Amino acid sequence: MKQTFFENVYKIIRQIPQGKVATYGQIAKLAGNPRAARAVGMCMKINPDAPRTPCHRVVAADGNLTGYSAKGGIKTKKEMLIKEGVYFKEGKIDLSRSLWKP
């Protein structure tokens, strides 16, 4: 049975290790639709399986932290990423050090 786009996105997100992040566009490309970064964002917003599917590890292409629907919003997302060992530089994620390379 063929997986839906959302199922595929969640499967990919679960592969991002602690201390690493992926961009919405990167996930869209890995899921087979490089133009669907916004759809990936929607997947994260309705994630039915947090924290097993760590949507907090998905960030904007420029390293900015964008929406996080769990309690505490972006502040909580940042705290979680710091605790996991993600590197920040000037308020953004240092993608040269923390970007996941599947």
PDB file of N, CA and C in Angstrom:
ATOM      1  N   MET A   1       0.841  -1.186   0.000  1.00  0.00           N
ATOM      2  CA  MET A   1       0.000   0.000   0.000  1.00  0.00           C
ATOM      3  C   MET A   1       0.886   1.249   0.000  1.00  0.00           C
ATOM      4  N   LYS A   2       0.587   2.196  -0.849  1.00  0.00           N
ATOM      5  CA  LYS A   2       1.372   3.417  -0.971  1.00  0.00           C
ATOM      6  C   LYS A   2       1.108   4.359   0.211  1.00  0.00           C
ATOM      7  N   GLN A   3       2.192   4.914   0.748  1.00  0.00           N
ATOM      8  CA  GLN A   3       2.059   5.855   1.856  1.00  0.00           C
ATOM      9  C   GLN A   3       1.565   7.204   1.345  1.00  0.00           C
ATOM     10  N   THR A   4       0.812   7.899   2.193  1.00  0.00           N
ATOM     11  CA  THR A   4       0.413   9.256   1.856  1.00  0.00           C
ATOM     12  C   THR A   4       1.608  10.181   2.050  1.00  0.00           C
ATOM     13  N   PHE A   5       1.520  11.378   1.499  1.00  0.00           N
ATOM     14  CA  PHE A   5       2.585  12.372   1.667  1.00  0.00           C
ATOM     15  C   PHE A   5       2.846  12.607   3.151  1.00  0.00           C
ATOM     16  N   PHE A   6       1.785  12.788   3.938  1.00  0.00           N
ATOM     17  CA  PHE A   6       1.946  13.048   5.369  1.00  0.00           C
ATOM     18  C   PHE A   6       2.643  11.884   6.063  1.00  0.00           C
ATOM     19  N   GLU A   7       2.233  10.655   5.762  1.00  0.00           N
ATOM     20  CA  GLU A   7       2.873   9.489   6.378  1.00  0.00           C
ATOM     21  C   GLU A   7       4.355   9.439   6.033  1.00  0.00           C
ATOM     22  N   ASN A   8       4.673   9.742   4.797  1.00  0.00           N
ATOM     23  CA  ASN A   8       6.057   9.746   4.349  1.00  0.00           C
ATOM     24  C   ASN A   8       6.856  10.828   5.087  1.00  0.00           C
ATOM     25  N   VAL A   9       6.266  11.999   5.237  1.00  0.00           N
ATOM     26  CA  VAL A   9       6.919  13.093   5.962  1.00  0.00           C
ATOM     27  C   VAL A   9       7.210  12.670   7.402  1.00  0.00           C
ATOM     28  N   TYR A  10       6.234  12.106   8.077  1.00  0.00           N
ATOM     29  CA  TYR A  10       6.439  11.693   9.469  1.00  0.00           C
ATOM     30  C   TYR A  10       7.530  10.634   9.575  1.00  0.00           C
ATOM     31  N   LYS A  11       7.563   9.709   8.631  1.00  0.00           N
ATOM     32  CA  LYS A  11       8.597   8.668   8.623  1.00  0.00           C
ATOM     33  C   LYS A  11       9.991   9.301   8.494  1.00  0.00           C
ATOM     34  N   ILE A  12      10.113  10.287   7.645  1.00  0.00           N
ATOM     35  CA  ILE A  12      11.393  10.982   7.441  1.00  0.00           C
ATOM     36  C   ILE A  12      11.779  11.758   8.698  1.00  0.00           C
ATOM     37  N   ILE A  13      10.826  12.470   9.276  1.00  0.00           N
ATOM     38  CA  ILE A  13      11.095  13.283  10.474  1.00  0.00           C
ATOM     39  C   ILE A  13      11.620  12.403  11.614  1.00  0.00           C
ATOM     40  N   ARG A  14      11.081  11.205  11.746  1.00  0.00           N
ATOM     41  CA  ARG A  14      11.519  10.314  12.826  1.00  0.00           C
ATOM     42  C   ARG A  14      12.974   9.872  12.656  1.00  0.00           C
ATOM     43  N   GLN A  15      13.554  10.067  11.482  1.00  0.00           N
ATOM     44  CA  GLN A  15      14.941   9.684  11.236  1.00  0.00           C
ATOM     45  C   GLN A  15      15.940  10.778  11.609  1.00  0.00           C
ATOM     46  N   ILE A  16      15.478  11.998  11.852  1.00  0.00           N
ATOM     47  CA  ILE A  16      16.390  13.093  12.199  1.00  0.00           C
ATOM     48  C   ILE A  16      16.939  12.832  13.603  1.00  0.00           C
ATOM     49  N   PRO A  17      18.252  12.694  13.725  1.00  0.00           N
ATOM     50  CA  PRO A  17      18.818  12.382  15.048  1.00  0.00           C
ATOM     51  C   PRO A  17      18.862  13.601  15.973  1.00  0.00           C
ATOM     52  N   GLN A  18      18.958  13.333  17.256  1.00  0.00           N
ATOM     53  CA  GLN A  18      19.150  14.414  18.222  1.00  0.00           C
ATOM     54  C   GLN A  18      20.389  15.198  17.831  1.00  0.00           C
ATOM     55  N   GLY A  19      20.336  16.509  18.024  1.00  0.00           N
ATOM     56  CA  GLY A  19      21.471  17.370  17.714  1.00  0.00           C
ATOM     57  C   GLY A  19      21.506  17.825  16.267  1.00  0.00           C
ATOM     58  N   LYS A  20      20.531  17.391  15.472  1.00  0.00           N
ATOM     59  CA  LYS A  20      20.450  17.776  14.062  1.00  0.00           C
ATOM     60  C   LYS A  20      19.066  18.325  13.755  1.00  0.00           C
ATOM     61  N   VAL A  21      18.983  19.112  12.699  1.00  0.00           N
ATOM     62  CA  VAL A  21      17.711  19.637  12.219  1.00  0.00           C
ATOM     63  C   VAL A  21      17.638  19.435  10.709  1.00  0.00           C
ATOM     64  N   ALA A  22      16.425  19.548  10.185  1.00  0.00           N
ATOM     65  CA  ALA A  22      16.200  19.528   8.743  1.00  0.00           C
ATOM     66  C   ALA A  22      15.319  20.714   8.405  1.00  0.00           C
ATOM     67  N   THR A  23      15.379  21.159   7.171  1.00  0.00           N
ATOM     68  CA  THR A  23      14.520  22.270   6.749  1.00  0.00           C
ATOM     69  C   THR A  23      13.226  21.721   6.157  1.00  0.00           C
ATOM     70  N   TYR A  24      12.220  22.574   6.128  1.00  0.00           N
ATOM     71  CA  TYR A  24      10.940  22.182   5.537  1.00  0.00           C
ATOM     72  C   TYR A  24      11.142  21.759   4.080  1.00  0.00           C
ATOM     73  N   GLY A  25      11.943  22.509   3.357  1.00  0.00           N
ATOM     74  CA  GLY A  25      12.211  22.189   1.959  1.00  0.00           C
ATOM     75  C   GLY A  25      12.957  20.881   1.797  1.00  0.00           C
ATOM     76  N   GLN A  26      13.895  20.631   2.676  1.00  0.00           N
ATOM     77  CA  GLN A  26      14.662  19.382   2.634  1.00  0.00           C
ATOM     78  C   GLN A  26      13.720  18.189   2.830  1.00  0.00           C
ATOM     79  N   ILE A  27      12.818  18.296   3.793  1.00  0.00           N
ATOM     80  CA  ILE A  27      11.864  17.214   4.052  1.00  0.00           C
ATOM     81  C   ILE A  27      10.938  17.032   2.854  1.00  0.00           C
ATOM     82  N   ALA A  28      10.479  18.139   2.274  1.00  0.00           N
ATOM     83  CA  ALA A  28       9.599  18.055   1.103  1.00  0.00           C
ATOM     84  C   ALA A  28      10.287  17.306  -0.032  1.00  0.00           C
ATOM     85  N   LYS A  29      11.542  17.644  -0.269  1.00  0.00           N
ATOM     86  CA  LYS A  29      12.306  16.986  -1.339  1.00  0.00           C
ATOM     87  C   LYS A  29      12.459  15.491  -1.044  1.00  0.00           C
ATOM     88  N   LEU A  30      12.817  15.152   0.184  1.00  0.00           N
ATOM     89  CA  LEU A  30      12.975  13.748   0.566  1.00  0.00           C
ATOM     90  C   LEU A  30      11.655  12.979   0.463  1.00  0.00           C
ATOM     91  N   ALA A  31      10.550  13.686   0.668  1.00  0.00           N
ATOM     92  CA  ALA A  31       9.220  13.060   0.594  1.00  0.00           C
ATOM     93  C   ALA A  31       8.710  12.958  -0.842  1.00  0.00           C
ATOM     94  N   GLY A  32       9.498  13.474  -1.793  1.00  0.00           N
ATOM     95  CA  GLY A  32       9.142  13.323  -3.193  1.00  0.00           C
ATOM     96  C   GLY A  32       8.449  14.500  -3.839  1.00  0.00           C
ATOM     97  N   ASN A  33       8.319  15.615  -3.109  1.00  0.00           N
ATOM     98  CA  ASN A  33       7.666  16.790  -3.676  1.00  0.00           C
ATOM     99  C   ASN A  33       8.418  18.048  -3.238  1.00  0.00           C
ATOM    100  N   PRO A  34       9.484  18.411  -3.968  1.00  0.00           N
ATOM    101  CA  PRO A  34      10.352  19.512  -3.550  1.00  0.00           C
ATOM    102  C   PRO A  34       9.657  20.861  -3.396  1.00  0.00           C
ATOM    103  N   ARG A  35       8.476  21.012  -3.954  1.00  0.00           N
ATOM    104  CA  ARG A  35       7.762  22.292  -3.858  1.00  0.00           C
ATOM    105  C   ARG A  35       6.741  22.316  -2.718  1.00  0.00           C
ATOM    106  N   ALA A  36       6.781  21.316  -1.864  1.00  0.00           N
ATOM    107  CA  ALA A  36       5.745  21.177  -0.832  1.00  0.00           C
ATOM    108  C   ALA A  36       6.216  21.544   0.574  1.00  0.00           C
ATOM    109  N   ALA A  37       7.124  22.505   0.689  1.00  0.00           N
ATOM    110  CA  ALA A  37       7.626  22.894   2.013  1.00  0.00           C
ATOM    111  C   ALA A  37       6.501  23.359   2.933  1.00  0.00           C
ATOM    112  N   ARG A  38       5.535  24.088   2.396  1.00  0.00           N
ATOM    113  CA  ARG A  38       4.417  24.555   3.225  1.00  0.00           C
ATOM    114  C   ARG A  38       3.555  23.393   3.700  1.00  0.00           C
ATOM    115  N   ALA A  39       3.417  22.373   2.859  1.00  0.00           N
ATOM    116  CA  ALA A  39       2.656  21.183   3.252  1.00  0.00           C
ATOM    117  C   ALA A  39       3.371  20.455   4.388  1.00  0.00           C
ATOM    118  N   VAL A  40       4.699  20.458   4.355  1.00  0.00           N
ATOM    119  CA  VAL A  40       5.468  19.866   5.454  1.00  0.00           C
ATOM    120  C   VAL A  40       5.158  20.626   6.741  1.00  0.00           C
ATOM    121  N   GLY A  41       5.079  21.949   6.649  1.00  0.00           N
ATOM    122  CA  GLY A  41       4.715  22.754   7.809  1.00  0.00           C
ATOM    123  C   GLY A  41       3.358  22.372   8.363  1.00  0.00           C
ATOM    124  N   MET A  42       2.416  22.094   7.487  1.00  0.00           N
ATOM    125  CA  MET A  42       1.080  21.675   7.924  1.00  0.00           C
ATOM    126  C   MET A  42       1.171  20.308   8.627  1.00  0.00           C
ATOM    127  N   CYS A  43       1.996  19.427   8.093  1.00  0.00           N
ATOM    128  CA  CYS A  43       2.204  18.121   8.750  1.00  0.00           C
ATOM    129  C   CYS A  43       2.702  18.320  10.175  1.00  0.00           C
ATOM    130  N   MET A  44       3.636  19.257  10.330  1.00  0.00           N
ATOM    131  CA  MET A  44       4.204  19.494  11.654  1.00  0.00           C
ATOM    132  C   MET A  44       3.143  20.053  12.596  1.00  0.00           C
ATOM    133  N   LYS A  45       2.303  20.919  12.074  1.00  0.00           N
ATOM    134  CA  LYS A  45       1.271  21.558  12.895  1.00  0.00           C
ATOM    135  C   LYS A  45       0.280  20.535  13.450  1.00  0.00           C
ATOM    136  N   ILE A  46      -0.032  19.510  12.660  1.00  0.00           N
ATOM    137  CA  ILE A  46      -1.028  18.526  13.092  1.00  0.00           C
ATOM    138  C   ILE A  46      -0.401  17.194  13.510  1.00  0.00           C
ATOM    139  N   ASN A  47       0.886  17.198  13.761  1.00  0.00           N
ATOM    140  CA  ASN A  47       1.622  15.985  14.135  1.00  0.00           C
ATOM    141  C   ASN A  47       0.882  15.221  15.235  1.00  0.00           C
ATOM    142  N   PRO A  48       0.373  14.025  14.920  1.00  0.00           N
ATOM    143  CA  PRO A  48      -0.386  13.269  15.914  1.00  0.00           C
ATOM    144  C   PRO A  48       0.484  12.423  16.840  1.00  0.00           C
ATOM    145  N   ASP A  49       1.788  12.440  16.625  1.00  0.00           N
ATOM    146  CA  ASP A  49       2.643  11.492  17.329  1.00  0.00           C
ATOM    147  C   ASP A  49       3.884  12.143  17.943  1.00  0.00           C
ATOM    148  N   ALA A  50       3.751  13.368  18.426  1.00  0.00           N
ATOM    149  CA  ALA A  50       4.871  13.999  19.125  1.00  0.00           C
ATOM    150  C   ALA A  50       4.961  13.360  20.505  1.00  0.00           C
ATOM    151  N   PRO A  51       6.110  13.159  21.067  1.00  0.00           N
ATOM    152  CA  PRO A  51       7.441  13.521  20.596  1.00  0.00           C
ATOM    153  C   PRO A  51       8.123  12.439  19.749  1.00  0.00           C
ATOM    154  N   ARG A  52       7.456  11.307  19.530  1.00  0.00           N
ATOM    155  CA  ARG A  52       8.081  10.252  18.714  1.00  0.00           C
ATOM    156  C   ARG A  52       8.423  10.765  17.322  1.00  0.00           C
ATOM    157  N   THR A  53       7.596  11.632  16.798  1.00  0.00           N
ATOM    158  CA  THR A  53       7.885  12.312  15.540  1.00  0.00           C
ATOM    159  C   THR A  53       8.311  13.726  15.918  1.00  0.00           C
ATOM    160  N   PRO A  54       9.626  13.970  15.973  1.00  0.00           N
ATOM    161  CA  PRO A  54      10.153  15.215  16.559  1.00  0.00           C
ATOM    162  C   PRO A  54      10.059  16.426  15.630  1.00  0.00           C
ATOM    163  N   CYS A  55       8.861  16.976  15.512  1.00  0.00           N
ATOM    164  CA  CYS A  55       8.640  18.099  14.605  1.00  0.00           C
ATOM    165  C   CYS A  55       9.442  19.338  15.007  1.00  0.00           C
ATOM    166  N   HIS A  56       9.902  19.404  16.251  1.00  0.00           N
ATOM    167  CA  HIS A  56      10.702  20.549  16.679  1.00  0.00           C
ATOM    168  C   HIS A  56      12.049  20.591  15.957  1.00  0.00           C
ATOM    169  N   ARG A  57      12.428  19.514  15.304  1.00  0.00           N
ATOM    170  CA  ARG A  57      13.703  19.462  14.580  1.00  0.00           C
ATOM    171  C   ARG A  57      13.581  19.936  13.134  1.00  0.00           C
ATOM    172  N   VAL A  58      12.435  20.467  12.766  1.00  0.00           N
ATOM    173  CA  VAL A  58      12.242  20.983  11.407  1.00  0.00           C
ATOM    174  C   VAL A  58      12.201  22.508  11.485  1.00  0.00           C
ATOM    175  N   VAL A  59      13.039  23.155  10.661  1.00  0.00           N
ATOM    176  CA  VAL A  59      13.231  24.601  10.747  1.00  0.00           C
ATOM    177  C   VAL A  59      13.207  25.237   9.351  1.00  0.00           C
ATOM    178  N   ALA A  60      13.204  26.553   9.328  1.00  0.00           N
ATOM    179  CA  ALA A  60      13.223  27.292   8.063  1.00  0.00           C
ATOM    180  C   ALA A  60      14.577  27.146   7.361  1.00  0.00           C
ATOM    181  N   ALA A  61      14.581  27.370   6.067  1.00  0.00           N
ATOM    182  CA  ALA A  61      15.783  27.210   5.242  1.00  0.00           C
ATOM    183  C   ALA A  61      16.926  28.126   5.670  1.00  0.00           C
ATOM    184  N   ASP A  62      16.606  29.240   6.328  1.00  0.00           N
ATOM    185  CA  ASP A  62      17.655  30.171   6.760  1.00  0.00           C
ATOM    186  C   ASP A  62      18.091  29.942   8.209  1.00  0.00           C
ATOM    187  N   GLY A  63      17.581  28.875   8.829  1.00  0.00           N
ATOM    188  CA  GLY A  63      17.952  28.567  10.205  1.00  0.00           C
ATOM    189  C   GLY A  63      17.050  29.186  11.250  1.00  0.00           C
ATOM    190  N   ASN A  64      16.066  29.952  10.827  1.00  0.00           N
ATOM    191  CA  ASN A  64      15.128  30.535  11.786  1.00  0.00           C
ATOM    192  C   ASN A  64      14.197  29.475  12.332  1.00  0.00           C
ATOM    193  N   LEU A  65      13.783  29.685  13.567  1.00  0.00           N
ATOM    194  CA  LEU A  65      12.777  28.820  14.156  1.00  0.00           C
ATOM    195  C   LEU A  65      11.419  29.385  13.783  1.00  0.00           C
ATOM    196  N   THR A  66      10.611  28.576  13.180  1.00  0.00           N
ATOM    197  CA  THR A  66       9.270  29.014  12.804  1.00  0.00           C
ATOM    198  C   THR A  66       8.272  28.254  13.650  1.00  0.00           C
ATOM    199  N   GLY A  67       7.001  28.525  13.462  1.00  0.00           N
ATOM    200  CA  GLY A  67       5.929  28.004  14.276  1.00  0.00           C
ATOM    201  C   GLY A  67       6.164  26.700  15.001  1.00  0.00           C
ATOM    202  N   TYR A  68       5.655  26.648  16.194  1.00  0.00           N
ATOM    203  CA  TYR A  68       5.692  25.432  17.000  1.00  0.00           C
ATOM    204  C   TYR A  68       4.419  25.442  17.826  1.00  0.00           C
ATOM    205  N   SER A  69       3.541  24.485  17.581  1.00  0.00           N
ATOM    206  CA  SER A  69       2.209  24.526  18.173  1.00  0.00           C
ATOM    207  C   SER A  69       2.127  23.962  19.593  1.00  0.00           C
ATOM    208  N   ALA A  70       3.182  23.353  20.083  1.00  0.00           N
ATOM    209  CA  ALA A  70       3.158  22.826  21.453  1.00  0.00           C
ATOM    210  C   ALA A  70       3.246  23.973  22.469  1.00  0.00           C
ATOM    211  N   LYS A  71       2.960  23.642  23.699  1.00  0.00           N
ATOM    212  CA  LYS A  71       2.976  24.639  24.769  1.00  0.00           C
ATOM    213  C   LYS A  71       4.312  25.380  24.808  1.00  0.00           C
ATOM    214  N   GLY A  72       4.248  26.689  24.873  1.00  0.00           N
ATOM    215  CA  GLY A  72       5.448  27.508  24.943  1.00  0.00           C
ATOM    216  C   GLY A  72       5.955  27.980  23.596  1.00  0.00           C
ATOM    217  N   GLY A  73       5.402  27.427  22.515  1.00  0.00           N
ATOM    218  CA  GLY A  73       5.736  27.878  21.168  1.00  0.00           C
ATOM    219  C   GLY A  73       7.217  27.801  20.834  1.00  0.00           C
ATOM    220  N   ILE A  74       7.694  28.800  20.115  1.00  0.00           N
ATOM    221  CA  ILE A  74       9.067  28.815  19.615  1.00  0.00           C
ATOM    222  C   ILE A  74      10.092  28.807  20.753  1.00  0.00           C
ATOM    223  N   LYS A  75       9.749  29.431  21.871  1.00  0.00           N
ATOM    224  CA  LYS A  75      10.672  29.425  23.017  1.00  0.00           C
ATOM    225  C   LYS A  75      10.948  27.992  23.456  1.00  0.00           C
ATOM    226  N   THR A  76       9.913  27.181  23.539  1.00  0.00           N
ATOM    227  CA  THR A  76      10.065  25.778  23.915  1.00  0.00           C
ATOM    228  C   THR A  76      10.851  25.016  22.855  1.00  0.00           C
ATOM    229  N   LYS A  77      10.560  25.298  21.589  1.00  0.00           N
ATOM    230  CA  LYS A  77      11.278  24.639  20.487  1.00  0.00           C
ATOM    231  C   LYS A  77      12.778  24.909  20.603  1.00  0.00           C
ATOM    232  N   LYS A  78      13.141  26.152  20.850  1.00  0.00           N
ATOM    233  CA  LYS A  78      14.556  26.515  20.980  1.00  0.00           C
ATOM    234  C   LYS A  78      15.196  25.813  22.168  1.00  0.00           C
ATOM    235  N   GLU A  79      14.510  25.792  23.297  1.00  0.00           N
ATOM    236  CA  GLU A  79      15.032  25.135  24.493  1.00  0.00           C
ATOM    237  C   GLU A  79      15.280  23.647  24.235  1.00  0.00           C
ATOM    238  N   MET A  80      14.349  23.003  23.534  1.00  0.00           N
ATOM    239  CA  MET A  80      14.485  21.576  23.227  1.00  0.00           C
ATOM    240  C   MET A  80      15.695  21.338  22.329  1.00  0.00           C
ATOM    241  N   LEU A  81      15.862  22.180  21.318  1.00  0.00           N
ATOM    242  CA  LEU A  81      16.978  22.014  20.390  1.00  0.00           C
ATOM    243  C   LEU A  81      18.322  22.248  21.077  1.00  0.00           C
ATOM    244  N   ILE A  82      18.388  23.256  21.933  1.00  0.00           N
ATOM    245  CA  ILE A  82      19.626  23.519  22.679  1.00  0.00           C
ATOM    246  C   ILE A  82      19.960  22.315  23.563  1.00  0.00           C
ATOM    247  N   LYS A  83      18.954  21.800  24.243  1.00  0.00           N
ATOM    248  CA  LYS A  83      19.156  20.641  25.114  1.00  0.00           C
ATOM    249  C   LYS A  83      19.666  19.433  24.328  1.00  0.00           C
ATOM    250  N   GLU A  84      19.253  19.306  23.067  1.00  0.00           N
ATOM    251  CA  GLU A  84      19.664  18.189  22.222  1.00  0.00           C
ATOM    252  C   GLU A  84      21.037  18.407  21.582  1.00  0.00           C
ATOM    253  N   GLY A  85      21.594  19.612  21.717  1.00  0.00           N
ATOM    254  CA  GLY A  85      22.923  19.867  21.190  1.00  0.00           C
ATOM    255  C   GLY A  85      22.974  20.557  19.839  1.00  0.00           C
ATOM    256  N   VAL A  86      21.864  21.155  19.425  1.00  0.00           N
ATOM    257  CA  VAL A  86      21.847  21.912  18.167  1.00  0.00           C
ATOM    258  C   VAL A  86      22.597  23.223  18.388  1.00  0.00           C
ATOM    259  N   TYR A  87      23.401  23.607  17.413  1.00  0.00           N
ATOM    260  CA  TYR A  87      24.206  24.825  17.514  1.00  0.00           C
ATOM    261  C   TYR A  87      23.444  26.031  16.975  1.00  0.00           C
ATOM    262  N   PHE A  88      23.551  27.136  17.709  1.00  0.00           N
ATOM    263  CA  PHE A  88      22.947  28.396  17.297  1.00  0.00           C
ATOM    264  C   PHE A  88      24.042  29.426  17.065  1.00  0.00           C
ATOM    265  N   LYS A  89      23.763  30.344  16.168  1.00  0.00           N
ATOM    266  CA  LYS A  89      24.691  31.442  15.881  1.00  0.00           C
ATOM    267  C   LYS A  89      23.852  32.673  15.541  1.00  0.00           C
ATOM    268  N   GLU A  90      24.015  33.714  16.333  1.00  0.00           N
ATOM    269  CA  GLU A  90      23.285  34.964  16.136  1.00  0.00           C
ATOM    270  C   GLU A  90      21.771  34.756  16.079  1.00  0.00           C
ATOM    271  N   GLY A  91      21.257  33.930  16.985  1.00  0.00           N
ATOM    272  CA  GLY A  91      19.825  33.728  17.113  1.00  0.00           C
ATOM    273  C   GLY A  91      19.208  32.727  16.150  1.00  0.00           C
ATOM    274  N   LYS A  92      19.998  32.214  15.225  1.00  0.00           N
ATOM    275  CA  LYS A  92      19.506  31.225  14.271  1.00  0.00           C
ATOM    276  C   LYS A  92      20.290  29.932  14.451  1.00  0.00           C
ATOM    277  N   ILE A  93      19.737  28.860  13.924  1.00  0.00           N
ATOM    278  CA  ILE A  93      20.467  27.598  13.953  1.00  0.00           C
ATOM    279  C   ILE A  93      21.647  27.691  13.001  1.00  0.00           C
ATOM    280  N   ASP A  94      22.782  27.244  13.464  1.00  0.00           N
ATOM    281  CA  ASP A  94      23.978  27.197  12.627  1.00  0.00           C
ATOM    282  C   ASP A  94      23.865  25.944  11.751  1.00  0.00           C
ATOM    283  N   LEU A  95      23.300  26.123  10.564  1.00  0.00           N
ATOM    284  CA  LEU A  95      23.042  24.997   9.674  1.00  0.00           C
ATOM    285  C   LEU A  95      24.329  24.335   9.188  1.00  0.00           C
ATOM    286  N   SER A  96      25.437  25.068   9.189  1.00  0.00           N
ATOM    287  CA  SER A  96      26.695  24.454   8.767  1.00  0.00           C
ATOM    288  C   SER A  96      27.144  23.376   9.754  1.00  0.00           C
ATOM    289  N   ARG A  97      26.638  23.450  10.983  1.00  0.00           N
ATOM    290  CA  ARG A  97      27.016  22.467  12.008  1.00  0.00           C
ATOM    291  C   ARG A  97      25.890  21.526  12.373  1.00  0.00           C
ATOM    292  N   SER A  98      24.648  21.960  12.208  1.00  0.00           N
ATOM    293  CA  SER A  98      23.528  21.185  12.735  1.00  0.00           C
ATOM    294  C   SER A  98      22.571  20.620  11.699  1.00  0.00           C
ATOM    295  N   LEU A  99      22.817  20.897  10.409  1.00  0.00           N
ATOM    296  CA  LEU A  99      21.903  20.381   9.388  1.00  0.00           C
ATOM    297  C   LEU A  99      22.098  18.882   9.204  1.00  0.00           C
ATOM    298  N   TRP A 100      21.002  18.163   9.243  1.00  0.00           N
ATOM    299  CA  TRP A 100      20.997  16.704   9.036  1.00  0.00           C
ATOM    300  C   TRP A 100      21.312  16.416   7.571  1.00  0.00           C
ATOM    301  N   LYS A 101      22.189  15.474   7.364  1.00  0.00           N
ATOM    302  CA  LYS A 101      22.532  15.059   6.002  1.00  0.00           C
ATOM    303  C   LYS A 101      22.235  13.564   5.888  1.00  0.00           C
ATOM    304  N   PRO A 102      21.005  13.247   5.442  1.00  0.00           N
ATOM    305  CA  PRO A 102      20.595  11.823   5.372  1.00  0.00           C
ATOM    306  C   PRO A 102      21.409  11.044   4.350  1.00  0.00           C
TER     307      PRO A 102
END
